[in-house]
PDB file of all heavy atoms in Angstrom:
ATOM      1  N   THR A   1      32.121  96.673 155.504  1.00  0.00           N
ATOM      2  CA  THR A   1      31.937  98.070 155.887  1.00  0.00           C
ATOM      3  C   THR A   1      33.156  98.581 156.643  1.00  0.00           C
ATOM      4  O   THR A   1      34.023  97.810 157.071  1.00  0.00           O
ATOM      5  CB  THR A   1      30.693  98.230 156.775  1.00  0.00           C
ATOM      6  OG1 THR A   1      30.903  97.493 158.001  1.00  0.00           O
ATOM      7  CG2 THR A   1      29.448  97.683 156.080  1.00  0.00           C
ATOM      8  N   GLU A   2      33.209  99.896 156.832  1.00  0.00           N
ATOM      9  CA  GLU A   2      34.288 100.481 157.625  1.00  0.00           C
ATOM     10  C   GLU A   2      34.222  99.986 159.069  1.00  0.00           C
ATOM     11  O   GLU A   2      35.260  99.808 159.721  1.00  0.00           O
ATOM     12  CB  GLU A   2      34.183 102.004 157.585  1.00  0.00           C
ATOM     13  CG  GLU A   2      34.576 102.622 156.250  1.00  0.00           C
ATOM     14  CD  GLU A   2      34.505 104.137 156.282  1.00  0.00           C
ATOM     15  OE1 GLU A   2      33.387 104.676 156.351  1.00  0.00           O
ATOM     16  OE2 GLU A   2      35.585 104.767 156.244  1.00  0.00           O
ATOM     17  N   LYS A   3      33.013  99.769 159.570  1.00  0.00           N
ATOM     18  CA  LYS A   3      32.851  99.266 160.932  1.00  0.00           C
ATOM     19  C   LYS A   3      33.527  97.922 161.108  1.00  0.00           C
ATOM     20  O   LYS A   3      34.033  97.595 162.184  1.00  0.00           O
ATOM     21  CB  LYS A   3      31.352  99.160 161.264  1.00  0.00           C
ATOM     22  CG  LYS A   3      31.069  98.694 162.684  1.00  0.00           C
ATOM     23  CD  LYS A   3      29.568  98.646 162.941  1.00  0.00           C
ATOM     24  CE  LYS A   3      29.275  98.115 164.348  1.00  0.00           C
ATOM     25  NZ  LYS A   3      27.821  98.034 164.618  1.00  0.00           N
ATOM     26  N   GLU A   4      33.541  97.113 160.029  1.00  0.00           N
ATOM     27  CA  GLU A   4      34.175  95.800 160.084  1.00  0.00           C
ATOM     28  C   GLU A   4      35.683  95.882 159.839  1.00  0.00           C
ATOM     29  O   GLU A   4      36.369  94.859 159.839  1.00  0.00           O
ATOM     30  CB  GLU A   4      33.542  94.868 159.046  1.00  0.00           C
ATOM     31  CG  GLU A   4      32.083  94.542 159.321  1.00  0.00           C
ATOM     32  CD  GLU A   4      31.892  93.761 160.608  1.00  0.00           C
ATOM     33  OE1 GLU A   4      32.761  92.934 160.923  1.00  0.00           O
ATOM     34  OE2 GLU A   4      30.886  93.989 161.300  1.00  0.00           O
ATOM     35  N   GLY A   5      36.197  97.091 159.602  1.00  0.00           N
ATOM     36  CA  GLY A   5      37.642  97.270 159.473  1.00  0.00           C
ATOM     37  C   GLY A   5      38.168  97.403 158.063  1.00  0.00           C
ATOM     38  O   GLY A   5      39.380  97.483 157.854  1.00  0.00           O
ATOM     39  N   TYR A   6      37.283  97.449 157.056  1.00  0.00           N
ATOM     40  CA  TYR A   6      37.749  97.505 155.674  1.00  0.00           C
ATOM     41  C   TYR A   6      38.129  98.934 155.273  1.00  0.00           C
ATOM     42  O   TYR A   6      37.600  99.911 155.793  1.00  0.00           O
ATOM     43  CB  TYR A   6      36.671  96.971 154.729  1.00  0.00           C
ATOM     44  CG  TYR A   6      36.397  95.497 154.920  1.00  0.00           C
ATOM     45  CD1 TYR A   6      35.284  95.068 155.644  1.00  0.00           C
ATOM     46  CD2 TYR A   6      37.253  94.536 154.381  1.00  0.00           C
ATOM     47  CE1 TYR A   6      35.035  93.722 155.832  1.00  0.00           C
ATOM     48  CE2 TYR A   6      36.999  93.181 154.558  1.00  0.00           C
ATOM     49  CZ  TYR A   6      35.890  92.775 155.292  1.00  0.00           C
ATOM     50  OH  TYR A   6      35.644  91.444 155.474  1.00  0.00           O
ATOM     51  N   ARG A   7      39.022  99.018 154.286  1.00  0.00           N
ATOM     52  CA  ARG A   7      39.501 100.302 153.787  1.00  0.00           C
ATOM     53  C   ARG A   7      39.200 100.435 152.287  1.00  0.00           C
ATOM     54  O   ARG A   7      38.847  99.463 151.627  1.00  0.00           O
ATOM     55  CB  ARG A   7      41.010 100.423 154.022  1.00  0.00           C
ATOM     56  CG  ARG A   7      41.413 100.363 155.489  1.00  0.00           C
ATOM     57  CD  ARG A   7      42.917 100.401 155.642  1.00  0.00           C
ATOM     58  NE  ARG A   7      43.331 100.346 157.051  1.00  0.00           N
ATOM     59  CZ  ARG A   7      44.596 100.286 157.454  1.00  0.00           C
ATOM     60  NH1 ARG A   7      45.581 100.290 156.552  1.00  0.00           N
ATOM     61  NH2 ARG A   7      44.893 100.236 158.745  1.00  0.00           N
ATOM     62  N   VAL A   8      39.357 101.646 151.778  1.00  0.00           N
ATOM     63  CA  VAL A   8      39.132 101.909 150.351  1.00  0.00           C
ATOM     64  C   VAL A   8      40.363 101.466 149.566  1.00  0.00           C
ATOM     65  O   VAL A   8      41.496 101.803 149.916  1.00  0.00           O
ATOM     66  CB  VAL A   8      38.848 103.402 150.112  1.00  0.00           C
ATOM     67  CG1 VAL A   8      38.795 103.704 148.618  1.00  0.00           C
ATOM     68  CG2 VAL A   8      37.539 103.802 150.788  1.00  0.00           C
ATOM     69  N   ALA A   9      40.121 100.700 148.489  1.00  0.00           N
ATOM     70  CA  ALA A   9      41.203 100.190 147.639  1.00  0.00           C
ATOM     71  C   ALA A   9      40.613  99.893 146.263  1.00  0.00           C
ATOM     72  O   ALA A   9      39.390  99.831 146.106  1.00  0.00           O
ATOM     73  CB  ALA A   9      41.820  98.939 148.255  1.00  0.00           C
ATOM     74  N   PRO A  10      41.451  99.677 145.241  1.00  0.00           N
ATOM     75  CA  PRO A  10      40.933  99.452 143.886  1.00  0.00           C
ATOM     76  C   PRO A  10      40.052  98.211 143.778  1.00  0.00           C
ATOM     77  O   PRO A  10      40.353  97.165 144.345  1.00  0.00           O
ATOM     78  CB  PRO A  10      42.210  99.287 143.050  1.00  0.00           C
ATOM     79  CG  PRO A  10      43.257 100.031 143.808  1.00  0.00           C
ATOM     80  CD  PRO A  10      42.915  99.815 145.249  1.00  0.00           C
ATOM     81  N   VAL A  11      38.933  98.356 143.024  1.00  0.00           N
ATOM     82  CA  VAL A  11      38.029  97.252 142.721  1.00  0.00           C
ATOM     83  C   VAL A  11      37.670  97.323 141.236  1.00  0.00           C
ATOM     84  O   VAL A  11      37.761  98.377 140.616  1.00  0.00           O
ATOM     85  CB  VAL A  11      36.734  97.294 143.573  1.00  0.00           C
ATOM     86  CG1 VAL A  11      37.043  97.173 145.045  1.00  0.00           C
ATOM     87  CG2 VAL A  11      35.953  98.589 143.302  1.00  0.00           C
ATOM     88  N   ILE A  12      37.255  96.175 140.670  1.00  0.00           N
ATOM     89  CA  ILE A  12      36.808  96.141 139.282  1.00  0.00           C
ATOM     90  C   ILE A  12      35.301  96.302 139.259  1.00  0.00           C
ATOM     91  O   ILE A  12      34.575  95.551 139.916  1.00  0.00           O
ATOM     92  CB  ILE A  12      37.203  94.813 138.607  1.00  0.00           C
ATOM     93  CG1 ILE A  12      38.725  94.681 138.540  1.00  0.00           C
ATOM     94  CG2 ILE A  12      36.611  94.726 137.207  1.00  0.00           C
ATOM     95  CD1 ILE A  12      39.199  93.355 137.986  1.00  0.00           C
ATOM     96  N   GLN A  13      34.838  97.285 138.501  1.00  0.00           N
ATOM     97  CA  GLN A  13      33.397  97.513 138.376  1.00  0.00           C
ATOM     98  C   GLN A  13      33.092  97.937 136.946  1.00  0.00           C
ATOM     99  O   GLN A  13      33.631  98.921 136.451  1.00  0.00           O
ATOM    100  CB  GLN A  13      32.936  98.596 139.361  1.00  0.00           C
ATOM    101  CG  GLN A  13      31.435  98.854 139.310  1.00  0.00           C
ATOM    102  CD  GLN A  13      30.995  99.831 140.386  1.00  0.00           C
ATOM    103  OE1 GLN A  13      31.430  99.749 141.534  1.00  0.00           O
ATOM    104  NE2 GLN A  13      30.151 100.763 140.023  1.00  0.00           N
ATOM    105  N   GLY A  14      32.222  97.172 136.288  1.00  0.00           N
ATOM    106  CA  GLY A  14      31.850  97.481 134.916  1.00  0.00           C
ATOM    107  C   GLY A  14      33.037  97.479 133.972  1.00  0.00           C
ATOM    108  O   GLY A  14      33.091  98.278 133.040  1.00  0.00           O
ATOM    109  N   GLY A  15      34.002  96.590 134.209  1.00  0.00           N
ATOM    110  CA  GLY A  15      35.173  96.503 133.358  1.00  0.00           C
ATOM    111  C   GLY A  15      36.217  97.567 133.618  1.00  0.00           C
ATOM    112  O   GLY A  15      37.210  97.669 132.906  1.00  0.00           O
ATOM    113  N   GLU A  16      36.028  98.361 134.675  1.00  0.00           N
ATOM    114  CA  GLU A  16      36.942  99.466 134.959  1.00  0.00           C
ATOM    115  C   GLU A  16      37.474  99.348 136.371  1.00  0.00           C
ATOM    116  O   GLU A  16      36.772  98.899 137.286  1.00  0.00           O
ATOM    117  CB  GLU A  16      36.197 100.792 134.781  1.00  0.00           C
ATOM    118  CG  GLU A  16      37.080 102.017 134.873  1.00  0.00           C
ATOM    119  CD  GLU A  16      36.320 103.290 134.558  1.00  0.00           C
ATOM    120  OE1 GLU A  16      35.159 103.190 134.106  1.00  0.00           O
ATOM    121  OE2 GLU A  16      36.884 104.374 134.753  1.00  0.00           O
ATOM    122  N   LEU A  17      38.715  99.736 136.558  1.00  0.00           N
ATOM    123  CA  LEU A  17      39.337  99.708 137.877  1.00  0.00           C
ATOM    124  C   LEU A  17      39.083 101.039 138.569  1.00  0.00           C
ATOM    125  O   LEU A  17      39.511 102.089 138.084  1.00  0.00           O
ATOM    126  CB  LEU A  17      40.840  99.461 137.741  1.00  0.00           C
ATOM    127  CG  LEU A  17      41.585  98.976 138.997  1.00  0.00           C
ATOM    128  CD1 LEU A  17      41.062  97.629 139.447  1.00  0.00           C
ATOM    129  CD2 LEU A  17      43.081  98.896 138.722  1.00  0.00           C
ATOM    130  N   ILE A  18      38.353 101.001 139.698  1.00  0.00           N
ATOM    131  CA  ILE A  18      38.020 102.219 140.439  1.00  0.00           C
ATOM    132  C   ILE A  18      38.290 101.978 141.920  1.00  0.00           C
ATOM    133  O   ILE A  18      38.515 100.843 142.346  1.00  0.00           O
ATOM    134  CB  ILE A  18      36.541 102.619 140.241  1.00  0.00           C
ATOM    135  CG1 ILE A  18      35.615 101.530 140.820  1.00  0.00           C
ATOM    136  CG2 ILE A  18      36.232 102.868 138.770  1.00  0.00           C
ATOM    137  CD1 ILE A  18      34.151 101.924 140.828  1.00  0.00           C
ATOM    138  N   ASP A  19      38.260 103.051 142.692  1.00  0.00           N
ATOM    139  CA  ASP A  19      38.405 102.924 144.145  1.00  0.00           C
ATOM    140  C   ASP A  19      37.066 102.551 144.764  1.00  0.00           C
ATOM    141  O   ASP A  19      36.023 103.118 144.401  1.00  0.00           O
ATOM    142  CB  ASP A  19      38.909 104.228 144.763  1.00  0.00           C
ATOM    143  CG  ASP A  19      40.390 104.454 144.513  1.00  0.00           C
ATOM    144  OD1 ASP A  19      41.081 103.470 144.215  1.00  0.00           O
ATOM    145  OD2 ASP A  19      40.837 105.614 144.605  1.00  0.00           O
ATOM    146  N   GLY A  20      37.091 101.599 145.691  1.00  0.00           N
ATOM    147  CA  GLY A  20      35.871 101.180 146.371  1.00  0.00           C
ATOM    148  C   GLY A  20      36.198 100.584 147.729  1.00  0.00           C
ATOM    149  O   GLY A  20      37.329 100.147 147.977  1.00  0.00           O
ATOM    150  N   LEU A  21      35.226 100.576 148.604  1.00  0.00           N
ATOM    151  CA  LEU A  21      35.428 100.028 149.947  1.00  0.00           C
ATOM    152  C   LEU A  21      35.644  98.522 149.870  1.00  0.00           C
ATOM    153  O   LEU A  21      34.950  97.823 149.135  1.00  0.00           O
ATOM    154  CB  LEU A  21      34.216 100.343 150.826  1.00  0.00           C
ATOM    155  CG  LEU A  21      34.361 100.062 152.324  1.00  0.00           C
ATOM    156  CD1 LEU A  21      35.490 100.883 152.930  1.00  0.00           C
ATOM    157  CD2 LEU A  21      33.052 100.366 153.049  1.00  0.00           C
ATOM    158  N   ALA A  22      36.623  98.014 150.612  1.00  0.00           N
ATOM    159  CA  ALA A  22      36.929  96.579 150.710  1.00  0.00           C
ATOM    160  C   ALA A  22      37.525  96.020 149.421  1.00  0.00           C
ATOM    161  O   ALA A  22      37.352  94.838 149.119  1.00  0.00           O
ATOM    162  CB  ALA A  22      35.701  95.779 151.122  1.00  0.00           C
ATOM    163  N   GLY A  23      38.223  96.859 148.657  1.00  0.00           N
ATOM    164  CA  GLY A  23      38.918  96.349 147.486  1.00  0.00           C
ATOM    165  C   GLY A  23      39.884  95.242 147.875  1.00  0.00           C
ATOM    166  O   GLY A  23      40.644  95.367 148.828  1.00  0.00           O
ATOM    167  N   GLY A  24      39.876  94.153 147.119  1.00  0.00           N
ATOM    168  CA  GLY A  24      40.725  92.997 147.423  1.00  0.00           C
ATOM    169  C   GLY A  24      39.948  91.763 147.813  1.00  0.00           C
ATOM    170  O   GLY A  24      40.474  90.646 147.795  1.00  0.00           O
ATOM    171  N   MET A  25      38.663  91.933 148.162  1.00  0.00           N
ATOM    172  CA  MET A  25      37.878  90.777 148.611  1.00  0.00           C
ATOM    173  C   MET A  25      37.651  89.778 147.476  1.00  0.00           C
ATOM    174  O   MET A  25      37.458  88.592 147.720  1.00  0.00           O
ATOM    175  CB  MET A  25      36.548  91.247 149.190  1.00  0.00           C
ATOM    176  CG  MET A  25      36.684  91.959 150.515  1.00  0.00           C
ATOM    177  SD  MET A  25      37.564  90.980 151.752  1.00  0.00           S
ATOM    178  CE  MET A  25      36.381  89.658 151.990  1.00  0.00           C
ATOM    179  N   CYS A  26      37.666  90.252 146.232  1.00  0.00           N
ATOM    180  CA  CYS A  26      37.506  89.319 145.111  1.00  0.00           C
ATOM    181  C   CYS A  26      38.705  88.379 145.014  1.00  0.00           C
ATOM    182  O   CYS A  26      38.568  87.237 144.570  1.00  0.00           O
ATOM    183  CB  CYS A  26      37.312  90.079 143.804  1.00  0.00           C
ATOM    184  SG  CYS A  26      35.688  90.866 143.669  1.00  0.00           S
TER     185      CYS A  26
END
């Protein structure tokens, strides 16, 4: 979450690259 310090960045969802919170954790 934002409270934990994460920012919005690209994530893979449904085979598509979109912006999402905590992108990079994968």
